Amino acid sequence: VRYYYQGGLQAMEEKDPEEAIHCLEEVL
């Protein structure tokens, strides 16, 4: 869970919302 959460944060920081959405939906 922490892996996907950190991936979502990283994607947001890198301006990649599609990857962020994928990671955060996995957490949820």
PDB file of all heavy atoms in Angstrom:
ATOM      1  N   VAL A   1       0.836  -1.199   0.000  1.00  0.00           N
ATOM      2  CA  VAL A   1       0.000   0.000   0.000  1.00  0.00           C
ATOM      3  C   VAL A   1       0.865   1.242   0.000  1.00  0.00           C
ATOM      4  O   VAL A   1       0.621   2.197  -0.754  1.00  0.00           O
ATOM      5  CB  VAL A   1      -0.944  -0.006   1.217  1.00  0.00           C
ATOM      6  CG1 VAL A   1      -1.755   1.291   1.262  1.00  0.00           C
ATOM      7  CG2 VAL A   1      -1.874  -1.205   1.171  1.00  0.00           C
ATOM      8  N   ARG A   2       1.891   1.241   0.839  1.00  0.00           N
ATOM      9  CA  ARG A   2       2.797   2.381   0.898  1.00  0.00           C
ATOM     10  C   ARG A   2       3.532   2.570  -0.433  1.00  0.00           C
ATOM     11  O   ARG A   2       3.807   3.689  -0.856  1.00  0.00           O
ATOM     12  CB  ARG A   2       3.800   2.217   2.038  1.00  0.00           C
ATOM     13  CG  ARG A   2       3.177   2.490   3.402  1.00  0.00           C
ATOM     14  CD  ARG A   2       4.193   2.443   4.526  1.00  0.00           C
ATOM     15  NE  ARG A   2       4.504   1.078   4.919  1.00  0.00           N
ATOM     16  CZ  ARG A   2       5.681   0.508   4.802  1.00  0.00           C
ATOM     17  NH1 ARG A   2       6.692   1.180   4.290  1.00  0.00           N
ATOM     18  NH2 ARG A   2       5.872  -0.742   5.190  1.00  0.00           N
ATOM     19  N   TYR A   3       3.807   1.455  -1.107  1.00  0.00           N
ATOM     20  CA  TYR A   3       4.481   1.509  -2.414  1.00  0.00           C
ATOM     21  C   TYR A   3       3.618   2.279  -3.422  1.00  0.00           C
ATOM     22  O   TYR A   3       4.099   3.180  -4.123  1.00  0.00           O
ATOM     23  CB  TYR A   3       4.750   0.088  -2.912  1.00  0.00           C
ATOM     24  CG  TYR A   3       5.226   0.032  -4.349  1.00  0.00           C
ATOM     25  CD1 TYR A   3       6.549   0.290  -4.681  1.00  0.00           C
ATOM     26  CD2 TYR A   3       4.328  -0.287  -5.372  1.00  0.00           C
ATOM     27  CE1 TYR A   3       6.981   0.238  -6.003  1.00  0.00           C
ATOM     28  CE2 TYR A   3       4.742  -0.343  -6.692  1.00  0.00           C
ATOM     29  CZ  TYR A   3       6.074  -0.075  -6.997  1.00  0.00           C
ATOM     30  OH  TYR A   3       6.489  -0.121  -8.304  1.00  0.00           O
ATOM     31  N   TYR A   4       2.342   1.935  -3.485  1.00  0.00           N
ATOM     32  CA  TYR A   4       1.463   2.614  -4.440  1.00  0.00           C
ATOM     33  C   TYR A   4       1.214   4.071  -4.024  1.00  0.00           C
ATOM     34  O   TYR A   4       1.108   4.962  -4.865  1.00  0.00           O
ATOM     35  CB  TYR A   4       0.127   1.867  -4.551  1.00  0.00           C
ATOM     36  CG  TYR A   4       0.188   0.686  -5.496  1.00  0.00           C
ATOM     37  CD1 TYR A   4       0.022  -0.618  -5.019  1.00  0.00           C
ATOM     38  CD2 TYR A   4       0.415   0.872  -6.857  1.00  0.00           C
ATOM     39  CE1 TYR A   4       0.075  -1.713  -5.885  1.00  0.00           C
ATOM     40  CE2 TYR A   4       0.463  -0.208  -7.734  1.00  0.00           C
ATOM     41  CZ  TYR A   4       0.298  -1.489  -7.232  1.00  0.00           C
ATOM     42  OH  TYR A   4       0.365  -2.568  -8.095  1.00  0.00           O
ATOM     43  N   TYR A   5       1.114   4.294  -2.720  1.00  0.00           N
ATOM     44  CA  TYR A   5       0.915   5.662  -2.234  1.00  0.00           C
ATOM     45  C   TYR A   5       2.100   6.551  -2.618  1.00  0.00           C
ATOM     46  O   TYR A   5       1.920   7.660  -3.152  1.00  0.00           O
ATOM     47  CB  TYR A   5       0.728   5.652  -0.717  1.00  0.00           C
ATOM     48  CG  TYR A   5       0.727   7.032  -0.088  1.00  0.00           C
ATOM     49  CD1 TYR A   5      -0.329   7.909  -0.295  1.00  0.00           C
ATOM     50  CD2 TYR A   5       1.794   7.458   0.701  1.00  0.00           C
ATOM     51  CE1 TYR A   5      -0.331   9.173   0.276  1.00  0.00           C
ATOM     52  CE2 TYR A   5       1.804   8.719   1.273  1.00  0.00           C
ATOM     53  CZ  TYR A   5       0.743   9.570   1.054  1.00  0.00           C
ATOM     54  OH  TYR A   5       0.755  10.823   1.615  1.00  0.00           O
ATOM     55  N   GLN A   6       3.307   6.063  -2.362  1.00  0.00           N
ATOM     56  CA  GLN A   6       4.495   6.832  -2.733  1.00  0.00           C
ATOM     57  C   GLN A   6       4.583   7.013  -4.244  1.00  0.00           C
ATOM     58  O   GLN A   6       4.998   8.065  -4.731  1.00  0.00           O
ATOM     59  CB  GLN A   6       5.760   6.123  -2.218  1.00  0.00           C
ATOM     60  CG  GLN A   6       5.900   6.111  -0.706  1.00  0.00           C
ATOM     61  CD  GLN A   6       6.089   7.500  -0.129  1.00  0.00           C
ATOM     62  OE1 GLN A   6       6.597   8.398  -0.781  1.00  0.00           O
ATOM     63  NE2 GLN A   6       5.647   7.681   1.122  1.00  0.00           N
ATOM     64  N   GLY A   7       4.156   5.998  -4.984  1.00  0.00           N
ATOM     65  CA  GLY A   7       4.125   6.121  -6.449  1.00  0.00           C
ATOM     66  C   GLY A   7       3.173   7.205  -6.905  1.00  0.00           C
ATOM     67  O   GLY A   7       3.463   7.957  -7.845  1.00  0.00           O
ATOM     68  N   GLY A   8       2.010   7.302  -6.217  1.00  0.00           N
ATOM     69  CA  GLY A   8       1.054   8.356  -6.549  1.00  0.00           C
ATOM     70  C   GLY A   8       1.607   9.735  -6.263  1.00  0.00           C
ATOM     71  O   GLY A   8       1.466  10.660  -7.077  1.00  0.00           O
ATOM     72  N   LEU A   9       2.274   9.873  -5.102  1.00  0.00           N
ATOM     73  CA  LEU A   9       2.887  11.160  -4.761  1.00  0.00           C
ATOM     74  C   LEU A   9       3.957  11.546  -5.776  1.00  0.00           C
ATOM     75  O   LEU A   9       4.035  12.696  -6.226  1.00  0.00           O
ATOM     76  CB  LEU A   9       3.505  11.087  -3.366  1.00  0.00           C
ATOM     77  CG  LEU A   9       2.554  11.037  -2.168  1.00  0.00           C
ATOM     78  CD1 LEU A   9       3.362  10.918  -0.879  1.00  0.00           C
ATOM     79  CD2 LEU A   9       1.670  12.268  -2.126  1.00  0.00           C
ATOM     80  N   GLN A  10       4.795  10.573  -6.132  1.00  0.00           N
ATOM     81  CA  GLN A  10       5.877  10.838  -7.079  1.00  0.00           C
ATOM     82  C   GLN A  10       5.324  11.253  -8.443  1.00  0.00           C
ATOM     83  O   GLN A  10       5.821  12.183  -9.078  1.00  0.00           O
ATOM     84  CB  GLN A  10       6.755   9.586  -7.226  1.00  0.00           C
ATOM     85  CG  GLN A  10       7.991   9.770  -8.098  1.00  0.00           C
ATOM     86  CD  GLN A  10       9.020  10.684  -7.453  1.00  0.00           C
ATOM     87  OE1 GLN A  10       9.193  10.647  -6.236  1.00  0.00           O
ATOM     88  NE2 GLN A  10       9.684  11.490  -8.252  1.00  0.00           N
ATOM     89  N   ALA A  11       4.272  10.554  -8.872  1.00  0.00           N
ATOM     90  CA  ALA A  11       3.671  10.883 -10.175  1.00  0.00           C
ATOM     91  C   ALA A  11       3.082  12.285 -10.166  1.00  0.00           C
ATOM     92  O   ALA A  11       3.188  13.025 -11.154  1.00  0.00           O
ATOM     93  CB  ALA A  11       2.592   9.857 -10.521  1.00  0.00           C
ATOM     94  N   MET A  12       2.455  12.679  -9.071  1.00  0.00           N
ATOM     95  CA  MET A  12       1.902  14.034  -8.976  1.00  0.00           C
ATOM     96  C   MET A  12       3.019  15.067  -9.038  1.00  0.00           C
ATOM     97  O   MET A  12       2.886  16.111  -9.697  1.00  0.00           O
ATOM     98  CB  MET A  12       1.109  14.192  -7.689  1.00  0.00           C
ATOM     99  CG  MET A  12      -0.220  13.459  -7.681  1.00  0.00           C
ATOM    100  SD  MET A  12      -1.434  14.163  -8.825  1.00  0.00           S
ATOM    101  CE  MET A  12      -1.949  15.609  -7.895  1.00  0.00           C
ATOM    102  N   GLU A  13       4.124  14.774  -8.360  1.00  0.00           N
ATOM    103  CA  GLU A  13       5.250  15.706  -8.372  1.00  0.00           C
ATOM    104  C   GLU A  13       5.855  15.816  -9.759  1.00  0.00           C
ATOM    105  O   GLU A  13       6.356  16.871 -10.151  1.00  0.00           O
ATOM    106  CB  GLU A  13       6.304  15.236  -7.369  1.00  0.00           C
ATOM    107  CG  GLU A  13       7.292  16.329  -6.987  1.00  0.00           C
ATOM    108  CD  GLU A  13       8.031  16.000  -5.705  1.00  0.00           C
ATOM    109  OE1 GLU A  13       7.410  16.018  -4.631  1.00  0.00           O
ATOM    110  OE2 GLU A  13       9.242  15.727  -5.800  1.00  0.00           O
ATOM    111  N   GLU A  14       5.793  14.731 -10.520  1.00  0.00           N
ATOM    112  CA  GLU A  14       6.355  14.709 -11.880  1.00  0.00           C
ATOM    113  C   GLU A  14       5.323  15.121 -12.936  1.00  0.00           C
ATOM    114  O   GLU A  14       5.553  14.955 -14.130  1.00  0.00           O
ATOM    115  CB  GLU A  14       6.895  13.317 -12.189  1.00  0.00           C
ATOM    116  CG  GLU A  14       8.091  12.921 -11.319  1.00  0.00           C
ATOM    117  CD  GLU A  14       8.539  11.487 -11.535  1.00  0.00           C
ATOM    118  OE1 GLU A  14       7.827  10.754 -12.289  1.00  0.00           O
ATOM    119  OE2 GLU A  14       9.567  11.097 -10.960  1.00  0.00           O
ATOM    120  N   LYS A  15       4.184  15.630 -12.497  1.00  0.00           N
ATOM    121  CA  LYS A  15       3.125  16.110 -13.406  1.00  0.00           C
ATOM    122  C   LYS A  15       2.605  14.991 -14.313  1.00  0.00           C
ATOM    123  O   LYS A  15       2.375  15.183 -15.505  1.00  0.00           O
ATOM    124  CB  LYS A  15       3.627  17.275 -14.267  1.00  0.00           C
ATOM    125  CG  LYS A  15       4.310  18.395 -13.505  1.00  0.00           C
ATOM    126  CD  LYS A  15       3.382  19.091 -12.551  1.00  0.00           C
ATOM    127  CE  LYS A  15       4.059  20.275 -11.869  1.00  0.00           C
ATOM    128  NZ  LYS A  15       3.189  20.912 -10.852  1.00  0.00           N
ATOM    129  N   ASP A  16       2.425  13.805 -13.726  1.00  0.00           N
ATOM    130  CA  ASP A  16       1.896  12.653 -14.458  1.00  0.00           C
ATOM    131  C   ASP A  16       0.614  12.184 -13.774  1.00  0.00           C
ATOM    132  O   ASP A  16       0.607  11.172 -13.055  1.00  0.00           O
ATOM    133  CB  ASP A  16       2.937  11.529 -14.490  1.00  0.00           C
ATOM    134  CG  ASP A  16       2.517  10.354 -15.379  1.00  0.00           C
ATOM    135  OD1 ASP A  16       1.372  10.380 -15.886  1.00  0.00           O
ATOM    136  OD2 ASP A  16       3.312   9.416 -15.530  1.00  0.00           O
ATOM    137  N   PRO A  17      -0.498  12.908 -13.952  1.00  0.00           N
ATOM    138  CA  PRO A  17      -1.729  12.584 -13.221  1.00  0.00           C
ATOM    139  C   PRO A  17      -2.298  11.210 -13.548  1.00  0.00           C
ATOM    140  O   PRO A  17      -2.914  10.573 -12.692  1.00  0.00           O
ATOM    141  CB  PRO A  17      -2.683  13.706 -13.625  1.00  0.00           C
ATOM    142  CG  PRO A  17      -2.159  14.223 -14.923  1.00  0.00           C
ATOM    143  CD  PRO A  17      -0.676  14.069 -14.831  1.00  0.00           C
ATOM    144  N   GLU A  18      -2.119  10.725 -14.784  1.00  0.00           N
ATOM    145  CA  GLU A  18      -2.656   9.411 -15.135  1.00  0.00           C
ATOM    146  C   GLU A  18      -1.995   8.315 -14.309  1.00  0.00           C
ATOM    147  O   GLU A  18      -2.663   7.401 -13.809  1.00  0.00           O
ATOM    148  CB  GLU A  18      -2.461   9.144 -16.628  1.00  0.00           C
ATOM    149  CG  GLU A  18      -3.372   9.983 -17.518  1.00  0.00           C
ATOM    150  CD  GLU A  18      -3.331   9.534 -18.957  1.00  0.00           C
ATOM    151  OE1 GLU A  18      -2.714   8.476 -19.243  1.00  0.00           O
ATOM    152  OE2 GLU A  18      -3.906  10.236 -19.805  1.00  0.00           O
ATOM    153  N   GLU A  19      -0.674   8.382 -14.140  1.00  0.00           N
ATOM    154  CA  GLU A  19       0.026   7.406 -13.314  1.00  0.00           C
ATOM    155  C   GLU A  19      -0.373   7.560 -11.859  1.00  0.00           C
ATOM    156  O   GLU A  19      -0.543   6.564 -11.130  1.00  0.00           O
ATOM    157  CB  GLU A  19       1.542   7.580 -13.464  1.00  0.00           C
ATOM    158  CG  GLU A  19       2.387   6.657 -12.599  1.00  0.00           C
ATOM    159  CD  GLU A  19       2.193   5.185 -12.910  1.00  0.00           C
ATOM    160  OE1 GLU A  19       1.684   4.855 -14.008  1.00  0.00           O
ATOM    161  OE2 GLU A  19       2.542   4.354 -12.046  1.00  0.00           O
ATOM    162  N   ALA A  20      -0.560   8.805 -11.408  1.00  0.00           N
ATOM    163  CA  ALA A  20      -0.996   9.045 -10.030  1.00  0.00           C
ATOM    164  C   ALA A  20      -2.363   8.419  -9.792  1.00  0.00           C
ATOM    165  O   ALA A  20      -2.596   7.783  -8.753  1.00  0.00           O
ATOM    166  CB  ALA A  20      -1.035  10.543  -9.748  1.00  0.00           C
ATOM    167  N   ILE A  21      -3.271   8.591 -10.738  1.00  0.00           N
ATOM    168  CA  ILE A  21      -4.609   8.016 -10.607  1.00  0.00           C
ATOM    169  C   ILE A  21      -4.530   6.492 -10.495  1.00  0.00           C
ATOM    170  O   ILE A  21      -5.181   5.872  -9.640  1.00  0.00           O
ATOM    171  CB  ILE A  21      -5.491   8.428 -11.802  1.00  0.00           C
ATOM    172  CG1 ILE A  21      -5.822   9.923 -11.714  1.00  0.00           C
ATOM    173  CG2 ILE A  21      -6.773   7.608 -11.859  1.00  0.00           C
ATOM    174  CD1 ILE A  21      -6.453  10.493 -12.973  1.00  0.00           C
ATOM    175  N   HIS A  22      -3.705   5.880 -11.335  1.00  0.00           N
ATOM    176  CA  HIS A  22      -3.544   4.417 -11.301  1.00  0.00           C
ATOM    177  C   HIS A  22      -3.058   3.958  -9.931  1.00  0.00           C
ATOM    178  O   HIS A  22      -3.639   3.033  -9.332  1.00  0.00           O
ATOM    179  CB  HIS A  22      -2.554   3.982 -12.378  1.00  0.00           C
ATOM    180  CG  HIS A  22      -2.055   2.574 -12.206  1.00  0.00           C
ATOM    181  ND1 HIS A  22      -2.862   1.475 -12.417  1.00  0.00           N
ATOM    182  CD2 HIS A  22      -0.838   2.096 -11.801  1.00  0.00           C
ATOM    183  CE1 HIS A  22      -2.161   0.377 -12.167  1.00  0.00           C
ATOM    184  NE2 HIS A  22      -0.932   0.719 -11.797  1.00  0.00           N
ATOM    185  N   CYS A  23      -2.025   4.610  -9.408  1.00  0.00           N
ATOM    186  CA  CYS A  23      -1.446   4.197  -8.131  1.00  0.00           C
ATOM    187  C   CYS A  23      -2.430   4.395  -6.976  1.00  0.00           C
ATOM    188  O   CYS A  23      -2.606   3.511  -6.123  1.00  0.00           O
ATOM    189  CB  CYS A  23      -0.174   4.988  -7.857  1.00  0.00           C
ATOM    190  SG  CYS A  23       1.214   4.578  -8.939  1.00  0.00           S
ATOM    191  N   LEU A  24      -3.088   5.534  -6.951  1.00  0.00           N
ATOM    192  CA  LEU A  24      -3.977   5.850  -5.832  1.00  0.00           C
ATOM    193  C   LEU A  24      -5.242   4.999  -5.862  1.00  0.00           C
ATOM    194  O   LEU A  24      -5.780   4.628  -4.802  1.00  0.00           O
ATOM    195  CB  LEU A  24      -4.324   7.334  -5.853  1.00  0.00           C
ATOM    196  CG  LEU A  24      -3.121   8.264  -5.638  1.00  0.00           C
ATOM    197  CD1 LEU A  24      -3.509   9.716  -5.903  1.00  0.00           C
ATOM    198  CD2 LEU A  24      -2.562   8.111  -4.232  1.00  0.00           C
ATOM    199  N   GLU A  25      -5.717   4.654  -7.053  1.00  0.00           N
ATOM    200  CA  GLU A  25      -6.878   3.767  -7.143  1.00  0.00           C
ATOM    201  C   GLU A  25      -6.538   2.375  -6.618  1.00  0.00           C
ATOM    202  O   GLU A  25      -7.395   1.692  -6.035  1.00  0.00           O
ATOM    203  CB  GLU A  25      -7.385   3.698  -8.582  1.00  0.00           C
ATOM    204  CG  GLU A  25      -8.140   4.960  -9.009  1.00  0.00           C
ATOM    205  CD  GLU A  25      -8.637   4.898 -10.432  1.00  0.00           C
ATOM    206  OE1 GLU A  25      -8.128   4.064 -11.211  1.00  0.00           O
ATOM    207  OE2 GLU A  25      -9.537   5.699 -10.789  1.00  0.00           O
ATOM    208  N   GLU A  26      -5.280   1.944  -6.809  1.00  0.00           N
ATOM    209  CA  GLU A  26      -4.848   0.664  -6.252  1.00  0.00           C
ATOM    210  C   GLU A  26      -4.889   0.694  -4.726  1.00  0.00           C
ATOM    211  O   GLU A  26      -5.291  -0.277  -4.084  1.00  0.00           O
ATOM    212  CB  GLU A  26      -3.435   0.334  -6.745  1.00  0.00           C
ATOM    213  CG  GLU A  26      -3.342  -0.033  -8.209  1.00  0.00           C
ATOM    214  CD  GLU A  26      -4.118  -1.296  -8.535  1.00  0.00           C
ATOM    215  OE1 GLU A  26      -4.034  -2.268  -7.757  1.00  0.00           O
ATOM    216  OE2 GLU A  26      -4.835  -1.302  -9.567  1.00  0.00           O
ATOM    217  N   VAL A  27      -4.462   1.820  -4.142  1.00  0.00           N
ATOM    218  CA  VAL A  27      -4.511   1.953  -2.680  1.00  0.00           C
ATOM    219  C   VAL A  27      -5.951   1.883  -2.191  1.00  0.00           C
ATOM    220  O   VAL A  27      -6.268   1.188  -1.210  1.00  0.00           O
ATOM    221  CB  VAL A  27      -3.865   3.276  -2.232  1.00  0.00           C
ATOM    222  CG1 VAL A  27      -4.014   3.456  -0.720  1.00  0.00           C
ATOM    223  CG2 VAL A  27      -2.396   3.326  -2.625  1.00  0.00           C
ATOM    224  N   LEU A  28      -6.852   2.572  -2.879  1.00  0.00           N
ATOM    225  CA  LEU A  28      -8.237   2.661  -2.425  1.00  0.00           C
ATOM    226  C   LEU A  28      -9.004   1.357  -2.616  1.00  0.00           C
ATOM    227  O   LEU A  28     -10.072   1.168  -2.014  1.00  0.00           O
ATOM    228  CB  LEU A  28      -8.945   3.809  -3.144  1.00  0.00           C
ATOM    229  CG  LEU A  28      -8.459   5.202  -2.720  1.00  0.00           C
ATOM    230  CD1 LEU A  28      -9.054   6.280  -3.612  1.00  0.00           C
ATOM    231  CD2 LEU A  28      -8.818   5.464  -1.257  1.00  0.00           C
TER     232      LEU A  28
END
